[in-house]
Amino acid sequence: MKLADIVDIVEGKVVCGQDMLGKKIDYAFSSDLLSDVLTINKAGILLLTGVANMQTIRTADVAEVSCVVLVRGKKASKEMIDLATDIGLVLVESEGSMFGTGGKLYQKGLQPLY
């Protein structure tokens, strides 16, 4: 599924990485425990999280995540946006819950990582 389609499904706002919305994503992972994100062994996934801080962006970089969707109406700081831009990460804000957002994406064909 293309990132542009994901943004539409989650009714999200792209805060950086607009030029990468044509990229294809096959798998998603949801977590508020960043230590769990570090256990991911597949590059290029989508991460759904409610943790909106710099560590989220750094963790996504180490785990080779392609896109982070901040759920529950969390907003990215300017510092988060700047770092995400520097590392080539798509960052999206969504008002939906983690459960509901993940369910919508699964229903449209995005696969769970586990």
N, C-alpha and C. Protein backbone atom coordinates (compact mmCIF):
# COMPACT_ATOMS: atom_id res chain seq x y z
N MET A 1 0.83 -1.16 0.00
CA MET A 1 0.00 0.00 0.00
C MET A 1 0.89 1.25 0.00
N LYS A 2 0.54 2.21 -0.80
CA LYS A 2 1.34 3.43 -0.86
C LYS A 2 1.08 4.30 0.37
N LEU A 3 2.11 5.05 0.76
CA LEU A 3 1.99 5.93 1.91
C LEU A 3 0.87 6.95 1.73
N ALA A 4 0.67 7.43 0.52
CA ALA A 4 -0.41 8.38 0.26
C ALA A 4 -1.76 7.78 0.63
N ASP A 5 -1.95 6.48 0.33
CA ASP A 5 -3.20 5.80 0.67
C ASP A 5 -3.32 5.66 2.19
N ILE A 6 -2.21 5.37 2.85
CA ILE A 6 -2.21 5.23 4.31
C ILE A 6 -2.63 6.55 4.95
N VAL A 7 -2.09 7.64 4.47
CA VAL A 7 -2.43 8.96 5.01
C VAL A 7 -3.93 9.22 4.87
N ASP A 8 -4.49 8.87 3.73
CA ASP A 8 -5.92 9.05 3.51
C ASP A 8 -6.74 8.19 4.47
N ILE A 9 -6.35 6.94 4.63
CA ILE A 9 -7.09 6.00 5.49
C ILE A 9 -7.10 6.46 6.94
N VAL A 10 -5.97 6.95 7.42
CA VAL A 10 -5.89 7.38 8.83
C VAL A 10 -6.32 8.83 9.01
N GLU A 11 -6.74 9.46 7.90
CA GLU A 11 -7.14 10.86 7.93
C GLU A 11 -6.04 11.70 8.59
N GLY A 12 -4.82 11.45 8.11
CA GLY A 12 -3.65 12.05 8.71
C GLY A 12 -3.19 13.34 8.05
N LYS A 13 -2.31 13.99 8.77
CA LYS A 13 -1.66 15.20 8.27
C LYS A 13 -0.17 14.89 8.17
N VAL A 14 0.38 15.00 6.98
CA VAL A 14 1.80 14.74 6.77
C VAL A 14 2.57 15.98 7.23
N VAL A 15 3.47 15.80 8.20
CA VAL A 15 4.24 16.94 8.70
C VAL A 15 5.65 16.96 8.13
N CYS A 16 6.11 15.86 7.58
CA CYS A 16 7.35 15.85 6.80
C CYS A 16 7.41 14.58 5.97
N GLY A 17 8.12 14.67 4.86
CA GLY A 17 8.27 13.53 3.97
C GLY A 17 7.24 13.47 2.86
N GLN A 18 6.61 14.60 2.55
CA GLN A 18 5.59 14.63 1.51
C GLN A 18 6.10 14.08 0.18
N ASP A 19 7.37 14.24 -0.08
CA ASP A 19 7.94 13.78 -1.35
C ASP A 19 8.11 12.26 -1.41
N MET A 20 7.83 11.56 -0.30
CA MET A 20 8.00 10.10 -0.27
C MET A 20 6.66 9.36 -0.20
N LEU A 21 5.56 10.04 -0.47
CA LEU A 21 4.25 9.42 -0.33
C LEU A 21 3.96 8.35 -1.38
N GLY A 22 4.78 8.22 -2.38
CA GLY A 22 4.63 7.16 -3.36
C GLY A 22 5.26 5.84 -2.93
N LYS A 23 5.99 5.86 -1.83
CA LYS A 23 6.66 4.66 -1.33
C LYS A 23 5.64 3.63 -0.87
N LYS A 24 5.95 2.35 -1.14
CA LYS A 24 5.06 1.26 -0.78
C LYS A 24 5.43 0.71 0.60
N ILE A 25 4.41 0.48 1.42
CA ILE A 25 4.56 -0.10 2.75
C ILE A 25 3.70 -1.37 2.80
N ASP A 26 4.27 -2.46 3.28
CA ASP A 26 3.52 -3.72 3.37
C ASP A 26 3.15 -4.10 4.79
N TYR A 27 3.93 -3.63 5.78
CA TYR A 27 3.75 -4.07 7.16
C TYR A 27 3.69 -2.89 8.13
N ALA A 28 2.96 -3.11 9.23
CA ALA A 28 2.85 -2.10 10.28
C ALA A 28 3.06 -2.74 11.64
N PHE A 29 3.47 -1.90 12.58
CA PHE A 29 3.72 -2.30 13.96
C PHE A 29 3.19 -1.18 14.85
N SER A 30 2.50 -1.53 15.93
CA SER A 30 1.96 -0.53 16.85
C SER A 30 2.59 -0.72 18.22
N SER A 31 3.11 0.37 18.78
CA SER A 31 3.68 0.27 20.12
C SER A 31 3.93 1.64 20.71
N ASP A 32 3.74 1.72 22.02
CA ASP A 32 4.17 2.89 22.78
C ASP A 32 5.44 2.56 23.57
N LEU A 33 5.90 1.34 23.48
CA LEU A 33 7.15 0.94 24.12
C LEU A 33 8.26 0.97 23.07
N LEU A 34 9.07 1.98 23.11
CA LEU A 34 10.11 2.12 22.09
C LEU A 34 11.12 0.99 22.14
N SER A 35 11.29 0.37 23.30
CA SER A 35 12.19 -0.79 23.38
C SER A 35 11.65 -1.94 22.52
N ASP A 36 10.33 -2.07 22.41
CA ASP A 36 9.75 -3.09 21.53
C ASP A 36 10.04 -2.78 20.07
N VAL A 37 10.03 -1.51 19.72
CA VAL A 37 10.31 -1.12 18.34
C VAL A 37 11.72 -1.55 17.95
N LEU A 38 12.63 -1.52 18.89
CA LEU A 38 14.01 -1.91 18.59
C LEU A 38 14.16 -3.40 18.31
N THR A 39 13.13 -4.19 18.60
CA THR A 39 13.19 -5.63 18.31
C THR A 39 12.76 -5.95 16.88
N ILE A 40 12.28 -4.96 16.16
CA ILE A 40 11.82 -5.17 14.78
C ILE A 40 12.99 -5.60 13.90
N ASN A 41 12.76 -6.63 13.11
CA ASN A 41 13.83 -7.12 12.24
C ASN A 41 13.46 -7.02 10.76
N LYS A 42 12.63 -6.04 10.43
CA LYS A 42 12.22 -5.83 9.04
C LYS A 42 12.27 -4.34 8.76
N ALA A 43 12.97 -3.95 7.74
CA ALA A 43 13.10 -2.54 7.37
C ALA A 43 11.89 -2.08 6.58
N GLY A 44 11.64 -0.78 6.62
CA GLY A 44 10.63 -0.18 5.75
C GLY A 44 9.20 -0.32 6.21
N ILE A 45 8.97 -0.47 7.51
CA ILE A 45 7.61 -0.64 7.99
C ILE A 45 7.00 0.70 8.43
N LEU A 46 5.74 0.64 8.79
CA LEU A 46 5.00 1.77 9.35
C LEU A 46 4.90 1.54 10.86
N LEU A 47 5.15 2.58 11.64
CA LEU A 47 5.01 2.51 13.09
C LEU A 47 3.87 3.41 13.53
N LEU A 48 2.92 2.84 14.27
CA LEU A 48 1.86 3.60 14.91
C LEU A 48 2.24 3.76 16.38
N THR A 49 2.28 4.99 16.87
CA THR A 49 2.64 5.22 18.26
C THR A 49 2.02 6.51 18.77
N GLY A 50 1.84 6.55 20.08
CA GLY A 50 1.38 7.76 20.73
C GLY A 50 2.50 8.48 21.45
N VAL A 51 3.72 8.01 21.27
CA VAL A 51 4.88 8.63 21.91
C VAL A 51 5.44 9.69 20.97
N ALA A 52 5.25 10.94 21.34
CA ALA A 52 5.67 12.05 20.49
C ALA A 52 6.84 12.77 21.13
N ASN A 53 8.03 12.22 20.91
CA ASN A 53 9.24 12.87 21.40
C ASN A 53 10.41 12.53 20.50
N MET A 54 11.54 13.15 20.77
CA MET A 54 12.73 12.94 19.92
C MET A 54 13.18 11.48 19.91
N GLN A 55 13.01 10.79 21.03
CA GLN A 55 13.45 9.39 21.10
C GLN A 55 12.69 8.53 20.10
N THR A 56 11.44 8.87 19.82
CA THR A 56 10.66 8.13 18.83
C THR A 56 11.32 8.20 17.46
N ILE A 57 11.77 9.38 17.09
CA ILE A 57 12.40 9.56 15.78
C ILE A 57 13.74 8.83 15.74
N ARG A 58 14.51 8.93 16.81
CA ARG A 58 15.80 8.24 16.86
C ARG A 58 15.61 6.72 16.81
N THR A 59 14.61 6.23 17.54
CA THR A 59 14.33 4.79 17.53
C THR A 59 13.88 4.33 16.14
N ALA A 60 13.04 5.11 15.50
CA ALA A 60 12.59 4.78 14.14
C ALA A 60 13.77 4.71 13.19
N ASP A 61 14.72 5.59 13.36
CA ASP A 61 15.92 5.58 12.50
C ASP A 61 16.72 4.31 12.71
N VAL A 62 16.97 3.95 13.95
CA VAL A 62 17.75 2.73 14.26
C VAL A 62 17.02 1.48 13.74
N ALA A 63 15.69 1.45 13.90
CA ALA A 63 14.90 0.29 13.49
C ALA A 63 14.57 0.29 12.00
N GLU A 64 15.03 1.29 11.27
CA GLU A 64 14.79 1.42 9.83
C GLU A 64 13.31 1.47 9.47
N VAL A 65 12.55 2.20 10.28
CA VAL A 65 11.14 2.44 10.04
C VAL A 65 11.03 3.49 8.93
N SER A 66 10.08 3.33 8.02
CA SER A 66 9.89 4.29 6.92
C SER A 66 8.95 5.43 7.26
N CYS A 67 7.95 5.13 8.10
CA CYS A 67 6.93 6.12 8.42
C CYS A 67 6.47 5.94 9.85
N VAL A 68 6.32 7.06 10.55
CA VAL A 68 5.75 7.06 11.89
C VAL A 68 4.43 7.81 11.83
N VAL A 69 3.37 7.16 12.32
CA VAL A 69 2.08 7.82 12.47
C VAL A 69 1.86 8.05 13.96
N LEU A 70 1.79 9.31 14.33
CA LEU A 70 1.49 9.68 15.71
C LEU A 70 -0.02 9.65 15.89
N VAL A 71 -0.50 8.79 16.77
CA VAL A 71 -1.94 8.63 16.98
C VAL A 71 -2.41 9.40 18.21
N ARG A 72 -3.70 9.34 18.47
CA ARG A 72 -4.34 9.99 19.62
C ARG A 72 -4.15 11.51 19.63
N GLY A 73 -4.01 12.10 18.44
CA GLY A 73 -3.90 13.54 18.34
C GLY A 73 -2.59 14.12 18.79
N LYS A 74 -1.57 13.27 18.95
CA LYS A 74 -0.25 13.77 19.36
C LYS A 74 0.37 14.59 18.24
N LYS A 75 1.10 15.61 18.61
CA LYS A 75 1.71 16.52 17.65
C LYS A 75 3.23 16.43 17.70
N ALA A 76 3.84 16.50 16.54
CA ALA A 76 5.30 16.48 16.44
C ALA A 76 5.85 17.87 16.73
N SER A 77 6.93 17.92 17.49
CA SER A 77 7.61 19.19 17.74
C SER A 77 8.45 19.57 16.52
N LYS A 78 8.87 20.82 16.49
CA LYS A 78 9.73 21.28 15.40
C LYS A 78 11.01 20.46 15.36
N GLU A 79 11.56 20.13 16.52
CA GLU A 79 12.80 19.33 16.59
C GLU A 79 12.57 17.94 16.01
N MET A 80 11.42 17.34 16.31
CA MET A 80 11.10 16.02 15.76
C MET A 80 11.00 16.10 14.23
N ILE A 81 10.33 17.12 13.73
CA ILE A 81 10.15 17.29 12.29
C ILE A 81 11.49 17.50 11.61
N ASP A 82 12.34 18.32 12.22
CA ASP A 82 13.66 18.58 11.64
C ASP A 82 14.49 17.30 11.56
N LEU A 83 14.51 16.51 12.63
CA LEU A 83 15.28 15.27 12.64
C LEU A 83 14.69 14.26 11.65
N ALA A 84 13.38 14.13 11.64
CA ALA A 84 12.73 13.20 10.70
C ALA A 84 13.05 13.58 9.26
N THR A 85 13.06 14.86 8.97
CA THR A 85 13.41 15.34 7.63
C THR A 85 14.85 14.98 7.30
N ASP A 86 15.75 15.19 8.25
CA ASP A 86 17.17 14.90 8.04
C ASP A 86 17.43 13.42 7.74
N ILE A 87 16.67 12.53 8.38
CA ILE A 87 16.92 11.09 8.20
C ILE A 87 16.04 10.46 7.12
N GLY A 88 15.14 11.25 6.53
CA GLY A 88 14.29 10.73 5.46
C GLY A 88 13.11 9.92 5.95
N LEU A 89 12.53 10.32 7.05
CA LEU A 89 11.39 9.62 7.66
C LEU A 89 10.11 10.38 7.36
N VAL A 90 9.07 9.67 6.97
CA VAL A 90 7.76 10.28 6.79
C VAL A 90 7.10 10.33 8.18
N LEU A 91 6.58 11.48 8.53
CA LEU A 91 5.96 11.69 9.84
C LEU A 91 4.54 12.20 9.64
N VAL A 92 3.59 11.49 10.23
CA VAL A 92 2.16 11.78 10.04
C VAL A 92 1.50 11.92 11.41
N GLU A 93 0.58 12.86 11.52
CA GLU A 93 -0.22 13.03 12.73
C GLU A 93 -1.64 12.59 12.43
N SER A 94 -2.24 11.84 13.38
CA SER A 94 -3.61 11.37 13.22
C SER A 94 -4.37 11.52 14.53
N GLU A 95 -5.63 11.86 14.44
CA GLU A 95 -6.47 12.02 15.63
C GLU A 95 -6.96 10.69 16.17
N GLY A 96 -6.92 9.63 15.37
CA GLY A 96 -7.48 8.35 15.77
C GLY A 96 -6.72 7.64 16.87
N SER A 97 -7.39 6.69 17.51
CA SER A 97 -6.73 5.86 18.52
C SER A 97 -5.78 4.89 17.83
N MET A 98 -4.87 4.30 18.59
CA MET A 98 -3.96 3.33 18.01
C MET A 98 -4.72 2.11 17.53
N PHE A 99 -5.68 1.63 18.33
CA PHE A 99 -6.45 0.45 17.98
C PHE A 99 -7.29 0.69 16.72
N GLY A 100 -8.01 1.80 16.69
CA GLY A 100 -8.86 2.11 15.54
C GLY A 100 -8.08 2.35 14.27
N THR A 101 -6.97 3.08 14.40
CA THR A 101 -6.14 3.39 13.24
C THR A 101 -5.53 2.11 12.66
N GLY A 102 -5.01 1.26 13.54
CA GLY A 102 -4.45 -0.01 13.08
C GLY A 102 -5.51 -0.89 12.44
N GLY A 103 -6.70 -0.88 13.01
CA GLY A 103 -7.80 -1.67 12.45
C GLY A 103 -8.19 -1.22 11.05
N LYS A 104 -8.25 0.10 10.85
CA LYS A 104 -8.57 0.63 9.53
C LYS A 104 -7.53 0.20 8.50
N LEU A 105 -6.26 0.29 8.89
CA LEU A 105 -5.19 -0.07 7.96
C LEU A 105 -5.21 -1.57 7.65
N TYR A 106 -5.45 -2.39 8.66
CA TYR A 106 -5.53 -3.83 8.47
C TYR A 106 -6.70 -4.19 7.55
N GLN A 107 -7.82 -3.54 7.77
CA GLN A 107 -9.00 -3.78 6.96
C GLN A 107 -8.74 -3.46 5.48
N LYS A 108 -7.88 -2.49 5.22
CA LYS A 108 -7.57 -2.09 3.84
C LYS A 108 -6.40 -2.87 3.26
N GLY A 109 -5.82 -3.84 4.03
CA GLY A 109 -4.82 -4.72 3.46
C GLY A 109 -3.41 -4.59 4.00
N LEU A 110 -3.14 -3.61 4.86
CA LEU A 110 -1.80 -3.51 5.45
C LEU A 110 -1.64 -4.66 6.44
N GLN A 111 -0.51 -5.34 6.37
CA GLN A 111 -0.30 -6.54 7.18
C GLN A 111 0.42 -6.23 8.49
N PRO A 112 0.07 -6.97 9.56
CA PRO A 112 0.79 -6.80 10.81
C PRO A 112 2.18 -7.42 10.70
N LEU A 113 3.11 -6.86 11.41
CA LEU A 113 4.47 -7.40 11.38
C LEU A 113 4.53 -8.77 12.05
N TYR A 114 3.78 -8.93 13.11
CA TYR A 114 3.76 -10.22 13.85
C TYR A 114 2.37 -10.77 13.87
